Amino acid sequence: MSGVDGTERIDGIDGIDGEWQDDKEAVRRILTATGDTWAVVGLSGNTRRAAYGVAAVLQRYGKRIVPVHPKAETVHGEQGYASLADIPFPVDVVDVFVNSDLAGGVADEAVAIGAKAVWFQLGVVDEAAYARTRAAGLDMVMDHCPAIEIPLLD
């Protein structure tokens, strides 16, 4: 459904009637109150990828990053895992660096492992996944970058 200004809206999800793009409260909640263990799906040792730099910023702000990538590489000093299901400890936030076609499956995996929130990076949007994730009780942000948002909280 389109809003008055032409932006996409998601209506009727557990009382949510608003534009997901402007959910500043969810951004703040995830960054400040949801927890400090962030699984970063798509994070590898490739220093040219955005996930590598964003993970470094999250670490500087006190977050524990957990690389999730088929290669299961150690990145920024943290052991990597091939999948979310392989992580042997609780994860608070799942930060998703995969394309929109694959992101919904990752959101479903985040729900399955008991994460508290899902964060889709810039350019990653899946409204059906947003609806499922929010219906499962998790906070969710799409098309935002925590490395841009977190310094703005200071």
N, C-alpha and C. Protein backbone atom coordinates (compact mmCIF):
# COMPACT_ATOMS: atom_id res chain seq x y z
N MET A 1 0.85 -1.17 0.00
CA MET A 1 0.00 0.00 0.00
C MET A 1 0.89 1.23 0.00
N SER A 2 0.57 2.22 -0.77
CA SER A 2 1.38 3.43 -0.83
C SER A 2 0.83 4.49 0.10
N GLY A 3 1.77 5.19 0.74
CA GLY A 3 1.40 6.30 1.61
C GLY A 3 1.10 7.54 0.80
N VAL A 4 0.69 8.60 1.48
CA VAL A 4 0.36 9.85 0.81
C VAL A 4 1.55 10.38 0.01
N ASP A 5 2.75 10.18 0.56
CA ASP A 5 3.94 10.69 -0.11
C ASP A 5 4.53 9.70 -1.12
N GLY A 6 3.82 8.57 -1.37
CA GLY A 6 4.29 7.61 -2.36
C GLY A 6 5.19 6.53 -1.79
N THR A 7 5.56 6.60 -0.49
CA THR A 7 6.39 5.57 0.09
C THR A 7 5.54 4.35 0.42
N GLU A 8 6.17 3.19 0.44
CA GLU A 8 5.45 1.97 0.75
C GLU A 8 5.09 1.93 2.22
N ARG A 9 3.89 1.43 2.51
CA ARG A 9 3.42 1.31 3.89
C ARG A 9 3.06 -0.14 4.17
N ILE A 10 3.21 -0.51 5.42
CA ILE A 10 2.78 -1.82 5.87
C ILE A 10 1.73 -1.58 6.93
N ASP A 11 0.50 -2.00 6.66
CA ASP A 11 -0.61 -1.74 7.56
C ASP A 11 -1.11 -3.04 8.18
N GLY A 12 -1.63 -2.92 9.39
CA GLY A 12 -2.34 -4.02 10.01
C GLY A 12 -1.48 -5.12 10.59
N ILE A 13 -0.22 -4.86 10.88
CA ILE A 13 0.64 -5.87 11.47
C ILE A 13 0.70 -5.63 12.97
N ASP A 14 -0.04 -6.42 13.73
CA ASP A 14 -0.06 -6.29 15.18
C ASP A 14 -0.13 -4.84 15.62
N GLY A 15 -1.04 -4.09 15.03
CA GLY A 15 -1.23 -2.70 15.44
C GLY A 15 -0.28 -1.73 14.77
N ILE A 16 0.61 -2.23 13.93
CA ILE A 16 1.55 -1.34 13.26
C ILE A 16 0.85 -0.73 12.06
N ASP A 17 0.82 0.56 11.99
CA ASP A 17 0.22 1.25 10.86
C ASP A 17 1.12 2.44 10.55
N GLY A 18 2.19 2.17 9.86
CA GLY A 18 3.13 3.25 9.60
C GLY A 18 4.11 2.89 8.53
N GLU A 19 5.01 3.77 8.28
CA GLU A 19 6.01 3.58 7.25
C GLU A 19 7.26 2.98 7.86
N TRP A 20 7.67 1.82 7.38
CA TRP A 20 8.83 1.15 7.95
C TRP A 20 10.10 1.97 7.77
N GLN A 21 10.12 2.83 6.76
CA GLN A 21 11.31 3.64 6.53
C GLN A 21 11.59 4.62 7.66
N ASP A 22 10.57 5.04 8.37
CA ASP A 22 10.74 6.09 9.38
C ASP A 22 10.57 5.57 10.80
N ASP A 23 10.86 4.31 11.04
CA ASP A 23 10.70 3.76 12.38
C ASP A 23 11.94 4.07 13.22
N LYS A 24 12.07 5.35 13.56
CA LYS A 24 13.23 5.81 14.33
C LYS A 24 13.30 5.17 15.71
N GLU A 25 12.16 4.86 16.29
CA GLU A 25 12.14 4.23 17.61
C GLU A 25 12.72 2.82 17.55
N ALA A 26 12.41 2.08 16.49
CA ALA A 26 12.98 0.73 16.34
C ALA A 26 14.49 0.83 16.16
N VAL A 27 14.95 1.78 15.37
CA VAL A 27 16.39 1.99 15.17
C VAL A 27 17.06 2.23 16.52
N ARG A 28 16.52 3.14 17.30
CA ARG A 28 17.09 3.48 18.61
C ARG A 28 17.05 2.27 19.55
N ARG A 29 15.93 1.59 19.59
CA ARG A 29 15.77 0.44 20.48
C ARG A 29 16.78 -0.66 20.15
N ILE A 30 16.90 -0.97 18.87
CA ILE A 30 17.84 -2.03 18.47
C ILE A 30 19.27 -1.64 18.81
N LEU A 31 19.63 -0.40 18.56
CA LEU A 31 21.01 0.03 18.79
C LEU A 31 21.36 0.22 20.26
N THR A 32 20.36 0.53 21.09
CA THR A 32 20.68 0.88 22.48
C THR A 32 20.16 -0.11 23.53
N ALA A 33 19.11 -0.83 23.22
CA ALA A 33 18.47 -1.61 24.29
C ALA A 33 18.22 -3.08 23.96
N THR A 34 18.52 -3.51 22.77
CA THR A 34 18.17 -4.88 22.38
C THR A 34 19.24 -5.88 22.78
N GLY A 35 20.46 -5.46 22.91
CA GLY A 35 21.56 -6.36 23.25
C GLY A 35 22.77 -6.09 22.39
N ASP A 36 23.89 -6.64 22.81
CA ASP A 36 25.15 -6.29 22.17
C ASP A 36 25.77 -7.39 21.31
N THR A 37 25.09 -8.51 21.12
CA THR A 37 25.64 -9.57 20.28
C THR A 37 24.94 -9.53 18.93
N TRP A 38 25.72 -9.16 17.92
CA TRP A 38 25.20 -8.97 16.56
C TRP A 38 25.80 -10.00 15.62
N ALA A 39 24.97 -10.89 15.09
CA ALA A 39 25.39 -11.79 14.02
C ALA A 39 25.32 -11.00 12.72
N VAL A 40 26.43 -10.97 11.99
CA VAL A 40 26.49 -10.21 10.74
C VAL A 40 26.54 -11.21 9.59
N VAL A 41 25.39 -11.41 8.96
CA VAL A 41 25.25 -12.41 7.91
C VAL A 41 25.80 -11.82 6.60
N GLY A 42 26.79 -12.52 6.06
CA GLY A 42 27.47 -12.05 4.85
C GLY A 42 28.85 -11.48 5.14
N LEU A 43 29.24 -11.47 6.42
CA LEU A 43 30.55 -10.92 6.81
C LEU A 43 31.64 -11.94 6.57
N SER A 44 32.62 -11.53 5.76
CA SER A 44 33.79 -12.36 5.50
C SER A 44 35.03 -11.50 5.71
N GLY A 45 36.18 -12.07 5.44
CA GLY A 45 37.43 -11.34 5.57
C GLY A 45 37.72 -10.40 4.42
N ASN A 46 36.80 -10.25 3.48
CA ASN A 46 36.99 -9.36 2.34
C ASN A 46 36.86 -7.91 2.79
N THR A 47 37.98 -7.22 2.88
CA THR A 47 38.00 -5.84 3.40
C THR A 47 37.31 -4.84 2.48
N ARG A 48 37.04 -5.22 1.24
CA ARG A 48 36.37 -4.31 0.30
C ARG A 48 34.85 -4.35 0.41
N ARG A 49 34.32 -5.30 1.17
CA ARG A 49 32.87 -5.42 1.31
C ARG A 49 32.36 -4.52 2.44
N ALA A 50 31.17 -3.99 2.25
CA ALA A 50 30.59 -3.08 3.24
C ALA A 50 30.45 -3.74 4.61
N ALA A 51 30.12 -5.03 4.63
CA ALA A 51 29.93 -5.73 5.90
C ALA A 51 31.19 -5.65 6.78
N TYR A 52 32.35 -5.68 6.17
CA TYR A 52 33.61 -5.64 6.90
C TYR A 52 33.75 -4.31 7.67
N GLY A 53 33.48 -3.21 6.98
CA GLY A 53 33.59 -1.90 7.62
C GLY A 53 32.50 -1.65 8.65
N VAL A 54 31.29 -2.07 8.35
CA VAL A 54 30.18 -1.89 9.30
C VAL A 54 30.44 -2.68 10.57
N ALA A 55 30.94 -3.91 10.44
CA ALA A 55 31.24 -4.72 11.62
C ALA A 55 32.30 -4.04 12.49
N ALA A 56 33.27 -3.40 11.86
CA ALA A 56 34.30 -2.69 12.63
C ALA A 56 33.69 -1.53 13.41
N VAL A 57 32.76 -0.82 12.79
CA VAL A 57 32.09 0.28 13.49
C VAL A 57 31.28 -0.26 14.67
N LEU A 58 30.54 -1.33 14.45
CA LEU A 58 29.77 -1.93 15.54
C LEU A 58 30.67 -2.31 16.71
N GLN A 59 31.84 -2.87 16.41
CA GLN A 59 32.78 -3.22 17.47
C GLN A 59 33.24 -1.97 18.23
N ARG A 60 33.53 -0.91 17.51
CA ARG A 60 33.97 0.34 18.17
C ARG A 60 32.92 0.87 19.13
N TYR A 61 31.66 0.57 18.85
CA TYR A 61 30.57 1.02 19.72
C TYR A 61 30.17 -0.06 20.74
N GLY A 62 31.04 -1.03 20.94
CA GLY A 62 30.84 -1.99 22.01
C GLY A 62 30.03 -3.23 21.67
N LYS A 63 29.71 -3.42 20.41
CA LYS A 63 28.94 -4.60 20.02
C LYS A 63 29.89 -5.78 19.78
N ARG A 64 29.47 -6.97 20.16
CA ARG A 64 30.20 -8.17 19.81
C ARG A 64 29.66 -8.62 18.47
N ILE A 65 30.52 -8.72 17.48
CA ILE A 65 30.07 -9.16 16.16
C ILE A 65 30.37 -10.65 16.00
N VAL A 66 29.47 -11.31 15.28
CA VAL A 66 29.61 -12.74 15.01
C VAL A 66 29.50 -12.92 13.50
N PRO A 67 30.62 -13.18 12.83
CA PRO A 67 30.57 -13.36 11.37
C PRO A 67 29.77 -14.61 10.99
N VAL A 68 28.86 -14.45 10.03
CA VAL A 68 28.11 -15.59 9.51
C VAL A 68 28.28 -15.59 7.99
N HIS A 69 28.95 -16.62 7.52
CA HIS A 69 29.30 -16.71 6.10
C HIS A 69 29.63 -18.18 5.82
N PRO A 70 29.31 -18.68 4.64
CA PRO A 70 29.62 -20.09 4.35
C PRO A 70 31.08 -20.48 4.62
N LYS A 71 32.01 -19.52 4.50
CA LYS A 71 33.43 -19.81 4.75
C LYS A 71 33.76 -19.91 6.24
N ALA A 72 32.86 -19.41 7.11
CA ALA A 72 33.05 -19.45 8.57
C ALA A 72 34.41 -18.91 8.99
N GLU A 73 34.80 -17.78 8.40
CA GLU A 73 36.10 -17.17 8.70
C GLU A 73 36.07 -16.39 10.02
N THR A 74 37.24 -16.31 10.66
CA THR A 74 37.41 -15.40 11.78
C THR A 74 37.62 -14.00 11.20
N VAL A 75 36.82 -13.04 11.66
CA VAL A 75 36.89 -11.68 11.15
C VAL A 75 36.89 -10.72 12.35
N HIS A 76 37.75 -9.73 12.31
CA HIS A 76 37.87 -8.75 13.40
C HIS A 76 38.07 -9.47 14.74
N GLY A 77 38.79 -10.61 14.71
CA GLY A 77 39.09 -11.34 15.93
C GLY A 77 37.96 -12.21 16.46
N GLU A 78 36.85 -12.30 15.73
CA GLU A 78 35.69 -13.09 16.18
C GLU A 78 35.52 -14.32 15.30
N GLN A 79 35.31 -15.46 15.95
CA GLN A 79 35.07 -16.73 15.25
C GLN A 79 33.85 -16.62 14.34
N GLY A 80 33.98 -17.10 13.13
CA GLY A 80 32.86 -17.12 12.20
C GLY A 80 32.12 -18.44 12.22
N TYR A 81 30.89 -18.40 11.74
CA TYR A 81 30.04 -19.58 11.68
C TYR A 81 29.41 -19.64 10.29
N ALA A 82 29.15 -20.87 9.81
CA ALA A 82 28.61 -21.04 8.47
C ALA A 82 27.14 -20.65 8.37
N SER A 83 26.41 -20.70 9.49
CA SER A 83 24.99 -20.35 9.47
C SER A 83 24.59 -19.83 10.85
N LEU A 84 23.44 -19.18 10.91
CA LEU A 84 22.94 -18.71 12.20
C LEU A 84 22.71 -19.89 13.14
N ALA A 85 22.23 -21.00 12.62
CA ALA A 85 21.95 -22.18 13.44
C ALA A 85 23.21 -22.77 14.07
N ASP A 86 24.37 -22.48 13.50
CA ASP A 86 25.64 -23.01 14.03
C ASP A 86 26.17 -22.22 15.22
N ILE A 87 25.65 -21.04 15.47
CA ILE A 87 26.15 -20.20 16.57
C ILE A 87 25.71 -20.83 17.89
N PRO A 88 26.67 -21.16 18.78
CA PRO A 88 26.32 -21.90 20.00
C PRO A 88 25.94 -21.04 21.20
N PHE A 89 25.62 -19.79 20.98
CA PHE A 89 25.24 -18.88 22.07
C PHE A 89 24.15 -17.95 21.56
N PRO A 90 23.45 -17.27 22.47
CA PRO A 90 22.35 -16.39 22.05
C PRO A 90 22.84 -15.20 21.22
N VAL A 91 22.04 -14.85 20.24
CA VAL A 91 22.29 -13.69 19.38
C VAL A 91 21.16 -12.69 19.61
N ASP A 92 21.51 -11.43 19.79
CA ASP A 92 20.49 -10.40 20.01
C ASP A 92 19.95 -9.84 18.71
N VAL A 93 20.86 -9.48 17.79
CA VAL A 93 20.47 -8.84 16.54
C VAL A 93 21.12 -9.57 15.37
N VAL A 94 20.35 -9.78 14.32
CA VAL A 94 20.89 -10.36 13.08
C VAL A 94 20.92 -9.25 12.04
N ASP A 95 22.13 -8.88 11.63
CA ASP A 95 22.38 -7.82 10.66
C ASP A 95 22.62 -8.49 9.31
N VAL A 96 21.81 -8.15 8.31
CA VAL A 96 21.75 -8.92 7.07
C VAL A 96 22.38 -8.17 5.90
N PHE A 97 23.46 -8.74 5.38
CA PHE A 97 24.17 -8.22 4.21
C PHE A 97 24.04 -9.19 3.05
N VAL A 98 22.84 -9.57 2.72
CA VAL A 98 22.60 -10.39 1.53
C VAL A 98 21.55 -9.68 0.70
N ASN A 99 21.40 -10.06 -0.56
CA ASN A 99 20.44 -9.36 -1.40
C ASN A 99 19.01 -9.64 -0.95
N SER A 100 18.12 -8.79 -1.38
CA SER A 100 16.73 -8.85 -0.93
C SER A 100 16.06 -10.18 -1.24
N ASP A 101 16.48 -10.86 -2.31
CA ASP A 101 15.87 -12.15 -2.65
C ASP A 101 16.17 -13.23 -1.62
N LEU A 102 17.28 -13.09 -0.91
CA LEU A 102 17.68 -14.08 0.09
C LEU A 102 17.40 -13.63 1.52
N ALA A 103 17.15 -12.36 1.70
CA ALA A 103 17.04 -11.78 3.04
C ALA A 103 15.88 -12.34 3.85
N GLY A 104 14.77 -12.63 3.22
CA GLY A 104 13.61 -13.15 3.94
C GLY A 104 13.91 -14.47 4.62
N GLY A 105 14.65 -15.32 3.97
CA GLY A 105 15.05 -16.59 4.58
C GLY A 105 15.93 -16.38 5.79
N VAL A 106 16.81 -15.39 5.72
CA VAL A 106 17.67 -15.07 6.86
C VAL A 106 16.82 -14.54 8.02
N ALA A 107 15.84 -13.70 7.72
CA ALA A 107 14.95 -13.20 8.77
C ALA A 107 14.22 -14.36 9.45
N ASP A 108 13.77 -15.32 8.66
CA ASP A 108 13.10 -16.49 9.23
C ASP A 108 14.04 -17.29 10.13
N GLU A 109 15.31 -17.41 9.72
CA GLU A 109 16.31 -18.10 10.54
C GLU A 109 16.55 -17.33 11.84
N ALA A 110 16.53 -16.00 11.77
CA ALA A 110 16.72 -15.18 12.97
C ALA A 110 15.60 -15.44 13.98
N VAL A 111 14.39 -15.54 13.49
CA VAL A 111 13.25 -15.86 14.35
C VAL A 111 13.47 -17.25 14.97
N ALA A 112 13.90 -18.20 14.14
CA ALA A 112 14.07 -19.59 14.59
C ALA A 112 15.13 -19.73 15.69
N ILE A 113 16.17 -18.91 15.65
CA ILE A 113 17.23 -19.02 16.68
C ILE A 113 16.93 -18.19 17.92
N GLY A 114 15.83 -17.45 17.90
CA GLY A 114 15.47 -16.67 19.08
C GLY A 114 16.10 -15.30 19.17
N ALA A 115 16.53 -14.75 18.03
CA ALA A 115 17.07 -13.39 18.03
C ALA A 115 15.98 -12.41 18.46
N LYS A 116 16.39 -11.24 18.92
CA LYS A 116 15.44 -10.23 19.37
C LYS A 116 15.11 -9.22 18.28
N ALA A 117 15.99 -9.10 17.28
CA ALA A 117 15.79 -8.10 16.24
C ALA A 117 16.50 -8.51 14.96
N VAL A 118 16.02 -7.96 13.85
CA VAL A 118 16.63 -8.17 12.53
C VAL A 118 16.86 -6.81 11.92
N TRP A 119 18.03 -6.64 11.31
CA TRP A 119 18.40 -5.38 10.67
C TRP A 119 18.79 -5.68 9.23
N PHE A 120 18.00 -5.18 8.26
CA PHE A 120 18.34 -5.30 6.85
C PHE A 120 19.12 -4.05 6.44
N GLN A 121 20.25 -4.26 5.81
CA GLN A 121 21.12 -3.16 5.42
C GLN A 121 20.55 -2.30 4.30
N LEU A 122 21.25 -1.22 4.01
CA LEU A 122 20.85 -0.32 2.92
C LEU A 122 20.60 -1.12 1.64
N GLY A 123 19.46 -0.87 1.02
CA GLY A 123 19.12 -1.53 -0.22
C GLY A 123 18.47 -2.89 -0.05
N VAL A 124 18.38 -3.39 1.17
CA VAL A 124 17.77 -4.70 1.42
C VAL A 124 16.36 -4.48 1.97
N VAL A 125 15.37 -4.88 1.16
CA VAL A 125 13.96 -4.68 1.52
C VAL A 125 13.18 -5.94 1.15
N ASP A 126 12.40 -6.43 2.09
CA ASP A 126 11.49 -7.55 1.85
C ASP A 126 10.30 -7.34 2.78
N GLU A 127 9.24 -6.77 2.23
CA GLU A 127 8.09 -6.41 3.07
C GLU A 127 7.40 -7.63 3.66
N ALA A 128 7.36 -8.75 2.95
CA ALA A 128 6.76 -9.97 3.50
C ALA A 128 7.58 -10.47 4.69
N ALA A 129 8.91 -10.42 4.58
CA ALA A 129 9.76 -10.82 5.70
C ALA A 129 9.57 -9.88 6.89
N TYR A 130 9.40 -8.60 6.61
CA TYR A 130 9.15 -7.62 7.67
C TYR A 130 7.87 -8.00 8.41
N ALA A 131 6.83 -8.31 7.68
CA ALA A 131 5.56 -8.67 8.29
C ALA A 131 5.69 -9.93 9.14
N ARG A 132 6.37 -10.95 8.62
CA ARG A 132 6.56 -12.20 9.38
C ARG A 132 7.38 -11.97 10.64
N THR A 133 8.44 -11.20 10.50
CA THR A 133 9.36 -10.97 11.62
C THR A 133 8.68 -10.17 12.71
N ARG A 134 7.98 -9.12 12.33
CA ARG A 134 7.25 -8.32 13.32
C ARG A 134 6.13 -9.14 13.96
N ALA A 135 5.44 -9.96 13.18
CA ALA A 135 4.37 -10.80 13.73
C ALA A 135 4.92 -11.80 14.74
N ALA A 136 6.20 -12.19 14.59
CA ALA A 136 6.84 -13.11 15.53
C ALA A 136 7.32 -12.38 16.78
N GLY A 137 7.16 -11.05 16.82
CA GLY A 137 7.51 -10.29 18.01
C GLY A 137 8.88 -9.66 18.01
N LEU A 138 9.60 -9.72 16.91
CA LEU A 138 10.93 -9.13 16.84
C LEU A 138 10.85 -7.70 16.32
N ASP A 139 11.78 -6.86 16.76
CA ASP A 139 11.96 -5.56 16.13
C ASP A 139 12.64 -5.78 14.79
N MET A 140 12.39 -4.88 13.85
CA MET A 140 13.04 -5.00 12.55
C MET A 140 13.20 -3.64 11.91
N VAL A 141 14.34 -3.47 11.24
CA VAL A 141 14.65 -2.27 10.48
C VAL A 141 15.08 -2.74 9.10
N MET A 142 14.64 -2.03 8.07
CA MET A 142 15.06 -2.34 6.70
C MET A 142 15.66 -1.09 6.06
N ASP A 143 16.58 -1.33 5.12
CA ASP A 143 17.13 -0.27 4.29
C ASP A 143 17.80 0.84 5.10
N HIS A 144 18.48 0.45 6.18
CA HIS A 144 19.26 1.37 7.01
C HIS A 144 20.61 0.73 7.32
N CYS A 145 21.56 1.55 7.73
CA CYS A 145 22.87 1.04 8.10
C CYS A 145 23.18 1.43 9.54
N PRO A 146 23.48 0.45 10.41
CA PRO A 146 23.78 0.80 11.79
C PRO A 146 25.04 1.65 11.93
N ALA A 147 25.98 1.52 11.01
CA ALA A 147 27.20 2.34 11.08
C ALA A 147 26.90 3.81 10.81
N ILE A 148 25.82 4.08 10.11
CA ILE A 148 25.38 5.47 9.89
C ILE A 148 24.53 5.93 11.06
N GLU A 149 23.68 5.06 11.54
CA GLU A 149 22.71 5.43 12.60
C GLU A 149 23.33 5.55 13.98
N ILE A 150 24.24 4.67 14.35
CA ILE A 150 24.74 4.62 15.73
C ILE A 150 25.47 5.91 16.14
N PRO A 151 26.28 6.52 15.27
CA PRO A 151 26.92 7.78 15.70
C PRO A 151 25.90 8.92 15.91
N LEU A 152 24.76 8.83 15.28
CA LEU A 152 23.75 9.87 15.41
C LEU A 152 23.05 9.83 16.77
N LEU A 153 23.23 8.73 17.50
CA LEU A 153 22.60 8.60 18.82
C LEU A 153 23.35 9.40 19.88
N ASP A 154 24.61 9.71 19.64
CA ASP A 154 25.42 10.45 20.63
C ASP A 154 24.90 11.83 20.90
